């Protein structure tokens, strides 16, 4: 094999490996159905909730996101922002008001996962008793 062909192959492989996640591959609407408890007086009643996640590909490969999730007692978490590629995922970092918040967004098969790293976004973006944790969403039909 000629040396310049080997060099070009190595550059192509390195570029592909270093390019990070593709925001266009994640863009779309996703949902997650699950059961929550709400209270009717003092009686807990189990009901179905649907969480929603919207992802949009932005310039420079960034990923715009917006989600709303429901926890027990109808407490909610809602968040939106712009995540940047970091490693094999996208990451949103909010350093406002003296606290750190890091949200990671990644794709695993057909699912998109969001994860509140160290439960750091909970206090700012969730009602009392709600949290983001690590959730898996599937494409909305």
Protein backbone atom coordinates (compact mmCIF):
# COMPACT_ATOMS: atom_id res chain seq x y z
CA UNK A 1 0.00 0.00 0.00
CA UNK A 2 1.28 3.46 -0.80
CA UNK A 3 2.26 5.61 2.20
CA UNK A 4 -0.03 8.54 1.23
CA UNK A 5 -3.06 6.21 1.03
CA UNK A 6 -2.27 4.89 4.50
CA UNK A 7 -1.93 8.45 5.79
CA UNK A 8 -5.26 9.52 4.26
CA UNK A 9 -6.98 6.46 5.73
CA UNK A 10 -5.55 7.25 9.16
CA UNK A 11 -6.70 10.88 8.91
CA UNK A 12 -10.21 9.81 7.87
CA UNK A 13 -10.47 7.32 10.74
CA UNK A 14 -9.16 9.87 13.24
CA UNK A 15 -11.62 12.52 12.02
CA UNK A 16 -14.55 10.12 12.32
CA UNK A 17 -13.49 9.03 15.80
CA UNK A 18 -12.95 12.60 17.03
CA UNK A 19 -16.01 14.18 15.48
CA UNK A 20 -18.27 13.42 18.43
CA UNK A 21 -22.02 12.89 18.33
CA UNK A 22 -24.16 14.19 15.46
CA UNK A 23 -26.92 16.54 16.60
CA UNK A 24 -28.85 15.83 13.39
CA UNK A 25 -29.08 12.13 14.32
CA UNK A 26 -30.75 13.02 17.64
CA UNK A 27 -33.06 15.78 16.40
CA UNK A 28 -36.72 14.95 16.88
CA UNK A 29 -39.54 14.57 19.36
CA UNK A 30 -39.42 11.90 22.06
CA UNK A 31 -41.70 10.74 24.84
CA UNK A 32 -41.75 8.47 27.86
CA UNK A 33 -44.85 6.95 29.44
CA UNK A 34 -44.83 5.87 33.06
CA UNK A 35 -47.02 5.54 36.13
CA UNK A 36 -47.22 8.20 38.86
CA UNK A 37 -49.24 8.62 42.04
CA UNK A 38 -51.51 11.61 42.56
CA UNK A 39 -53.58 12.28 45.63
CA UNK A 40 -57.32 12.64 45.78
CA UNK A 41 -57.73 13.89 49.33
CA UNK A 42 -55.58 11.48 51.32
CA UNK A 43 -55.98 8.64 48.82
CA UNK A 44 -53.10 7.96 46.42
CA UNK A 45 -54.33 7.12 42.92
CA UNK A 46 -52.05 5.65 40.29
CA UNK A 47 -52.32 7.22 36.84
CA UNK A 48 -50.31 7.41 33.62
CA UNK A 49 -48.03 10.33 32.77
CA UNK A 50 -46.25 11.20 29.57
CA UNK A 51 -42.92 13.04 29.61
CA UNK A 52 -41.81 14.93 26.50
CA UNK A 53 -38.38 15.74 25.09
CA UNK A 54 -37.69 17.85 22.00
CA UNK A 55 -34.22 17.97 20.42
CA UNK A 56 -33.18 20.28 17.57
CA UNK A 57 -29.91 20.34 15.60
CA UNK A 58 -28.34 23.82 15.74
CA UNK A 59 -25.44 25.52 13.99
CA UNK A 60 -21.94 24.40 14.90
CA UNK A 61 -23.32 20.93 15.76
CA UNK A 62 -24.91 22.07 19.02
CA UNK A 63 -28.13 20.50 20.27
CA UNK A 64 -31.12 22.53 21.43
CA UNK A 65 -33.26 20.71 24.00
CA UNK A 66 -36.46 21.18 25.92
CA UNK A 67 -38.18 18.70 28.22
CA UNK A 68 -40.92 18.41 30.78
CA UNK A 69 -41.24 15.40 33.07
CA UNK A 70 -43.82 14.50 35.69
CA UNK A 71 -43.12 12.84 39.03
CA UNK A 72 -45.43 11.62 41.79
CA UNK A 73 -48.00 14.12 43.12
CA UNK A 74 -47.81 15.84 39.70
CA UNK A 75 -44.53 17.55 40.57
CA UNK A 76 -42.63 18.53 37.42
CA UNK A 77 -39.17 19.17 36.08
CA UNK A 78 -38.87 21.47 33.07
CA UNK A 79 -35.68 22.56 31.39
CA UNK A 80 -34.41 23.96 28.10
CA UNK A 81 -31.05 25.03 26.74
CA UNK A 82 -28.24 24.37 24.31
CA UNK A 83 -25.99 21.35 24.81
CA UNK A 84 -22.54 21.04 23.25
CA UNK A 85 -20.79 17.90 22.05
CA UNK A 86 -18.49 16.43 24.70
CA UNK A 87 -17.01 13.00 24.08
CA UNK A 88 -19.71 10.70 22.74
CA UNK A 89 -22.63 12.70 24.21
CA UNK A 90 -23.98 16.24 24.47
CA UNK A 91 -23.65 18.20 27.68
CA UNK A 92 -25.42 21.25 29.05
CA UNK A 93 -23.71 23.16 31.84
CA UNK A 94 -25.46 25.84 33.87
CA UNK A 95 -23.23 27.66 36.31
CA UNK A 96 -25.71 30.38 37.31
CA UNK A 97 -26.43 31.40 40.89
CA UNK A 98 -23.40 29.77 42.48
CA UNK A 99 -24.41 26.18 41.76
CA UNK A 100 -23.42 23.85 39.01
CA UNK A 101 -25.86 21.93 36.87
CA UNK A 102 -24.72 19.38 34.30
CA UNK A 103 -27.18 17.54 32.06
CA UNK A 104 -25.95 14.88 29.66
CA UNK A 105 -27.87 13.81 26.53
CA UNK A 106 -26.88 10.66 24.64
CA UNK A 107 -28.30 8.15 22.20
CA UNK A 108 -28.34 4.42 22.83
CA UNK A 109 -29.97 2.47 20.02
CA UNK A 110 -33.37 4.06 19.35
CA UNK A 111 -33.51 5.65 22.81
CA UNK A 112 -32.30 9.06 23.89
CA UNK A 113 -31.09 9.24 27.48
CA UNK A 114 -30.93 12.34 29.63
CA UNK A 115 -29.00 12.29 32.87
CA UNK A 116 -28.76 14.87 35.62
CA UNK A 117 -25.13 14.38 36.62
CA UNK A 118 -24.81 14.26 40.43
CA UNK A 119 -28.49 15.31 40.70
CA UNK A 120 -27.14 18.85 40.20
CA UNK A 121 -30.04 20.29 38.12
CA UNK A 122 -32.84 19.13 40.41
CA UNK A 123 -32.95 22.14 42.73
CA UNK A 124 -33.19 24.69 39.96
CA UNK A 125 -35.41 22.92 37.42
CA UNK A 126 -37.68 20.61 39.46
CA UNK A 127 -40.53 21.06 41.87
CA UNK A 128 -40.25 19.66 45.37
CA UNK A 129 -40.13 15.87 45.32
CA UNK A 130 -39.31 15.64 41.60
CA UNK A 131 -35.97 14.79 40.03
CA UNK A 132 -34.51 14.07 36.62
CA UNK A 133 -32.07 11.27 37.44
CA UNK A 134 -31.44 9.17 34.31
CA UNK A 135 -34.36 8.74 31.92
CA UNK A 136 -34.79 7.00 28.56
CA UNK A 137 -37.09 8.44 25.87
CA UNK A 138 -38.27 6.83 22.63
CA UNK A 139 -39.24 8.58 19.40
CA UNK A 140 -42.79 9.97 19.42
CA UNK A 141 -45.04 8.24 16.94
